[in-house]
C-alpha atoms as a PDB file:
ATOM      1  CA  MET A   1      79.826  78.082 140.078  1.00  0.00           C
ATOM      2  CA  LYS A   2      81.646  75.231 141.814  1.00  0.00           C
ATOM      3  CA  VAL A   3      82.199  73.376 138.490  1.00  0.00           C
ATOM      4  CA  ASN A   4      83.586  76.590 136.992  1.00  0.00           C
ATOM      5  CA  MET A   5      85.959  77.030 139.888  1.00  0.00           C
ATOM      6  CA  ASN A   6      87.093  73.399 139.760  1.00  0.00           C
ATOM      7  CA  LEU A   7      87.505  73.580 136.001  1.00  0.00           C
ATOM      8  CA  ALA A   8      89.545  76.782 136.282  1.00  0.00           C
ATOM      9  CA  SER A   9      91.732  75.178 138.934  1.00  0.00           C
ATOM     10  CA  LEU A  10      92.091  72.051 136.839  1.00  0.00           C
ATOM     11  CA  TYR A  11      93.476  74.138 133.981  1.00  0.00           C
ATOM     12  CA  GLU A  12      96.446  75.120 136.132  1.00  0.00           C
ATOM     13  CA  VAL A  13      97.340  71.591 137.264  1.00  0.00           C
ATOM     14  CA  GLU A  14      96.041  69.097 134.670  1.00  0.00           C
ATOM     15  CA  TYR A  15      95.607  70.653 131.262  1.00  0.00           C
ATOM     16  CA  ASP A  16      94.584  67.445 129.447  1.00  0.00           C
ATOM     17  CA  GLN A  17      91.749  66.801 131.896  1.00  0.00           C
ATOM     18  CA  TRP A  18      90.670  70.449 131.648  1.00  0.00           C
ATOM     19  CA  LEU A  19      90.588  70.123 127.868  1.00  0.00           C
ATOM     20  CA  ALA A  20      88.592  66.870 127.943  1.00  0.00           C
ATOM     21  CA  ARG A  21      86.021  68.337 130.355  1.00  0.00           C
ATOM     22  CA  THR A  22      85.763  71.520 128.337  1.00  0.00           C
ATOM     23  CA  ILE A  23      85.108  69.545 125.154  1.00  0.00           C
ATOM     24  CA  SER A  24      82.449  67.484 126.933  1.00  0.00           C
ATOM     25  CA  LEU A  25      80.740  70.610 128.224  1.00  0.00           C
ATOM     26  CA  LEU A  26      80.745  72.144 124.747  1.00  0.00           C
ATOM     27  CA  LYS A  27      79.308  68.976 123.186  1.00  0.00           C
ATOM     28  CA  GLU A  28      76.594  68.909 125.859  1.00  0.00           C
ATOM     29  CA  ASN A  29      75.804  72.607 125.267  1.00  0.00           C
ATOM     30  CA  ARG A  30      76.501  73.326 128.955  1.00  0.00           C
ATOM     31  CA  PHE A  31      78.076  76.685 128.197  1.00  0.00           C
ATOM     32  CA  ASN A  32      77.325  78.120 131.632  1.00  0.00           C
ATOM     33  CA  LYS A  33      79.692  75.542 133.181  1.00  0.00           C
ATOM     34  CA  LEU A  34      82.659  76.451 130.979  1.00  0.00           C
ATOM     35  CA  ASP A  35      85.851  78.019 132.218  1.00  0.00           C
ATOM     36  CA  LYS A  36      85.411  80.853 129.742  1.00  0.00           C
ATOM     37  CA  ASP A  37      88.529  82.829 130.632  1.00  0.00           C
ATOM     38  CA  HIS A  38      90.898  79.942 129.985  1.00  0.00           C
ATOM     39  CA  LEU A  39      88.918  78.792 126.955  1.00  0.00           C
ATOM     40  CA  ILE A  40      89.246  82.252 125.394  1.00  0.00           C
ATOM     41  CA  GLU A  41      92.955  82.285 126.232  1.00  0.00           C
ATOM     42  CA  GLU A  42      93.429  78.889 124.559  1.00  0.00           C
ATOM     43  CA  LEU A  43      91.513  79.898 121.442  1.00  0.00           C
ATOM     44  CA  GLU A  44      93.551  83.092 121.121  1.00  0.00           C
ATOM     45  CA  ASP A  45      96.775  81.101 121.545  1.00  0.00           C
ATOM     46  CA  LEU A  46      95.618  78.590 118.949  1.00  0.00           C
ATOM     47  CA  SER A  47      94.915  81.366 116.470  1.00  0.00           C
ATOM     48  CA  ARG A  48      98.341  82.925 117.050  1.00  0.00           C
ATOM     49  CA  ARG A  49     100.105  79.570 116.657  1.00  0.00           C
ATOM     50  CA  GLU A  50      98.294  78.777 113.415  1.00  0.00           C
ATOM     51  CA  LYS A  51      99.162  82.183 111.985  1.00  0.00           C
ATOM     52  CA  LYS A  52     102.809  81.931 113.020  1.00  0.00           C
ATOM     53  CA  THR A  53     103.046  78.425 111.572  1.00  0.00           C
ATOM     54  CA  VAL A  54     101.797  79.426 108.130  1.00  0.00           C
ATOM     55  CA  GLU A  55     103.972  82.556 108.244  1.00  0.00           C
ATOM     56  CA  ARG A  56     107.058  80.410 108.882  1.00  0.00           C
ATOM     57  CA  PHE A  57     106.212  78.043 106.039  1.00  0.00           C
ATOM     58  CA  LEU A  58     105.641  80.950 103.651  1.00  0.00           C
ATOM     59  CA  GLU A  59     108.918  82.537 104.713  1.00  0.00           C
ATOM     60  CA  GLN A  60     110.722  79.270 103.974  1.00  0.00           C
ATOM     61  CA  ILE A  61     109.076  79.038 100.557  1.00  0.00           C
ATOM     62  CA  ILE A  62     110.135  82.595  99.730  1.00  0.00           C
ATOM     63  CA  ARG A  63     113.696  81.991 100.957  1.00  0.00           C
ATOM     64  CA  HIS A  64     114.139  78.958  98.770  1.00  0.00           C
ATOM     65  CA  LEU A  65     112.501  80.555  95.730  1.00  0.00           C
ATOM     66  CA  LEU A  66     114.837  83.544  96.024  1.00  0.00           C
ATOM     67  CA  LEU A  67     117.853  81.285  96.320  1.00  0.00           C
ATOM     68  CA  LEU A  68     116.674  79.164  93.401  1.00  0.00           C
ATOM     69  CA  GLN A  69     115.969  82.117  91.152  1.00  0.00           C
ATOM     70  CA  TYR A  70     118.739  84.545  92.015  1.00  0.00           C
ATOM     71  CA  TRP A  71     121.760  82.766  93.529  1.00  0.00           C
ATOM     72  CA  THR A  72     123.112  81.622  90.194  1.00  0.00           C
ATOM     73  CA  SER A  73     126.595  80.750  91.442  1.00  0.00           C
ATOM     74  CA  GLU A  74     125.101  78.020  93.656  1.00  0.00           C
ATOM     75  CA  HIS A  75     122.288  76.947  91.342  1.00  0.00           C
ATOM     76  CA  GLU A  76     124.049  73.946  89.838  1.00  0.00           C
ATOM     77  CA  TYR A  77     124.868  72.478  93.268  1.00  0.00           C
ATOM     78  CA  ASN A  78     121.708  73.342  95.189  1.00  0.00           C
ATOM     79  CA  ALA A  79     118.768  73.646  92.783  1.00  0.00           C
ATOM     80  CA  ASN A  80     117.391  70.167  93.445  1.00  0.00           C
ATOM     81  CA  HIS A  81     117.651  70.648  97.192  1.00  0.00           C
ATOM     82  CA  TRP A  82     115.924  74.042  97.053  1.00  0.00           C
ATOM     83  CA  GLN A  83     113.144  72.664  94.851  1.00  0.00           C
ATOM     84  CA  ALA A  84     112.589  69.753  97.225  1.00  0.00           C
ATOM     85  CA  GLU A  85     112.419  72.149 100.168  1.00  0.00           C
ATOM     86  CA  ILE A  86     109.917  74.355  98.323  1.00  0.00           C
ATOM     87  CA  MET A  87     107.752  71.312  97.620  1.00  0.00           C
ATOM     88  CA  SER A  88     107.928  70.184 101.234  1.00  0.00           C
ATOM     89  CA  PHE A  89     106.994  73.569 102.675  1.00  0.00           C
ATOM     90  CA  ARG A  90     104.175  74.001 100.161  1.00  0.00           C
ATOM     91  CA  THR A  91     102.785  70.596 101.062  1.00  0.00           C
ATOM     92  CA  GLN A  92     102.858  71.479 104.746  1.00  0.00           C
ATOM     93  CA  ILE A  93     101.321  74.927 104.374  1.00  0.00           C
ATOM     94  CA  ASN A  94      98.575  73.750 102.017  1.00  0.00           C
ATOM     95  CA  GLU A  95      97.498  70.869 104.272  1.00  0.00           C
ATOM     96  CA  ASP A  96      95.961  73.176 106.860  1.00  0.00           C
ATOM     97  CA  LEU A  97      95.454  76.426 104.965  1.00  0.00           C
ATOM     98  CA  THR A  98      92.024  77.961 105.524  1.00  0.00           C
ATOM     99  CA  GLN A  99      90.641  81.055 103.852  1.00  0.00           C
ATOM    100  CA  ASN A 100      91.220  82.952 107.095  1.00  0.00           C
ATOM    101  CA  LEU A 101      94.881  81.926 107.216  1.00  0.00           C
ATOM    102  CA  ARG A 102      95.267  82.682 103.517  1.00  0.00           C
ATOM    103  CA  ASN A 103      93.896  86.183 104.137  1.00  0.00           C
ATOM    104  CA  HIS A 104      96.370  86.549 107.002  1.00  0.00           C
ATOM    105  CA  LEU A 105      99.257  85.623 104.708  1.00  0.00           C
ATOM    106  CA  GLN A 106      98.057  88.073 102.074  1.00  0.00           C
ATOM    107  CA  GLU A 107      97.890  90.859 104.660  1.00  0.00           C
ATOM    108  CA  ASN A 108     101.359  90.035 106.014  1.00  0.00           C
ATOM    109  CA  GLN A 109     103.199  89.039 102.844  1.00  0.00           C
ATOM    110  CA  VAL A 110     105.303  92.220 102.829  1.00  0.00           C
ATOM    111  CA  ASN A 111     106.615  91.561 106.350  1.00  0.00           C
ATOM    112  CA  ILE A 112     107.179  87.881 105.661  1.00  0.00           C
ATOM    113  CA  TYR A 113     109.108  88.757 102.505  1.00  0.00           C
ATOM    114  CA  GLU A 114     111.309  91.200 104.433  1.00  0.00           C
ATOM    115  CA  LYS A 115     112.263  88.448 106.899  1.00  0.00           C
ATOM    116  CA  ALA A 116     113.027  86.014 104.070  1.00  0.00           C
ATOM    117  CA  LEU A 117     115.007  88.669 102.213  1.00  0.00           C
ATOM    118  CA  ASN A 118     117.151  89.477 105.243  1.00  0.00           C
ATOM    119  CA  TYR A 119     117.946  85.788 105.649  1.00  0.00           C
ATOM    120  CA  VAL A 120     118.937  85.193 102.024  1.00  0.00           C
ATOM    121  CA  LYS A 121     121.040  88.349 101.901  1.00  0.00           C
ATOM    122  CA  GLN A 122     122.986  87.086 104.897  1.00  0.00           C
ATOM    123  CA  LYS A 123     123.211  83.532 103.531  1.00  0.00           C
ATOM    124  CA  THR A 124     124.557  84.707 100.184  1.00  0.00           C
ATOM    125  CA  GLY A 125     126.942  87.189 101.749  1.00  0.00           C
ATOM    126  CA  TYR A 126     125.157  90.051 100.003  1.00  0.00           C
ATOM    127  CA  GLU A 127     126.685  88.926  96.691  1.00  0.00           C
ATOM    128  CA  VAL A 128     123.277  88.879  94.988  1.00  0.00           C
ATOM    129  CA  ASP A 129     120.912  91.745  94.227  1.00  0.00           C
ATOM    130  CA  PHE A 130     117.519  90.491  95.321  1.00  0.00           C
ATOM    131  CA  PRO A 131     114.325  92.445  94.609  1.00  0.00           C
ATOM    132  CA  GLU A 132     113.367  94.732  97.476  1.00  0.00           C
ATOM    133  CA  ASN A 133     109.677  93.862  96.957  1.00  0.00           C
ATOM    134  CA  CYS A 134     108.317  90.362  96.710  1.00  0.00           C
ATOM    135  CA  PRO A 135     108.380  89.275  93.061  1.00  0.00           C
ATOM    136  CA  TYR A 136     105.847  86.494  93.696  1.00  0.00           C
ATOM    137  CA  THR A 137     102.099  86.535  94.187  1.00  0.00           C
ATOM    138  CA  LEU A 138     100.578  84.528  97.010  1.00  0.00           C
ATOM    139  CA  ASP A 139      99.011  82.204  94.435  1.00  0.00           C
ATOM    140  CA  GLN A 140     102.434  81.528  92.935  1.00  0.00           C
ATOM    141  CA  LEU A 141     103.969  80.940  96.353  1.00  0.00           C
ATOM    142  CA  LEU A 142     101.337  78.360  97.241  1.00  0.00           C
ATOM    143  CA  GLU A 143     101.048  76.642  93.844  1.00  0.00           C
ATOM    144  CA  MET A 144     102.655  73.204  94.183  1.00  0.00           C
ATOM    145  CA  ASN A 145     104.254  73.104  90.733  1.00  0.00           C
ATOM    146  CA  TRP A 146     105.084  76.751  90.093  1.00  0.00           C
ATOM    147  CA  LEU A 147     108.734  77.788  89.955  1.00  0.00           C
ATOM    148  CA  PRO A 148     110.181  81.079  88.745  1.00  0.00           C
ATOM    149  CA  GLU A 149     112.485  81.383  85.796  1.00  0.00           C
ATOM    150  CA  LYS A 150     116.136  81.524  86.740  1.00  0.00           C
ATOM    151  CA  SER A 151     117.569  85.040  86.624  1.00  0.00           C
END
């Protein structure tokens, strides 16, 4: 119990050491010595961060696709920039995308689209009629070379 107590205390004052000791204990299969409460907290935080990260990338992809496809008055001046941004965000999202995170995006695509839509409406000054529902499938959003036809 003393190791557990010391490990729990270490978490509060020296996170990097806590992490190193926790990893060592896991590798050694010494599960009874783990600071389980903080380990669970860290794993939950990690899961939330990963989900939020891929959500943000997908929102950025949707924003730029909407601008590229629908904001025709700015297309000539900004199309290359928007396409480069789409490519960058797709590269970043696809680097770490797992099936679990993909499922999360599929389940939350409606909410992510609503956030992106609110942003582009504001950015364009509401001068464009964007679709109220996402016009793109998740496969299209993640496909490196896919771009919609200009409206």
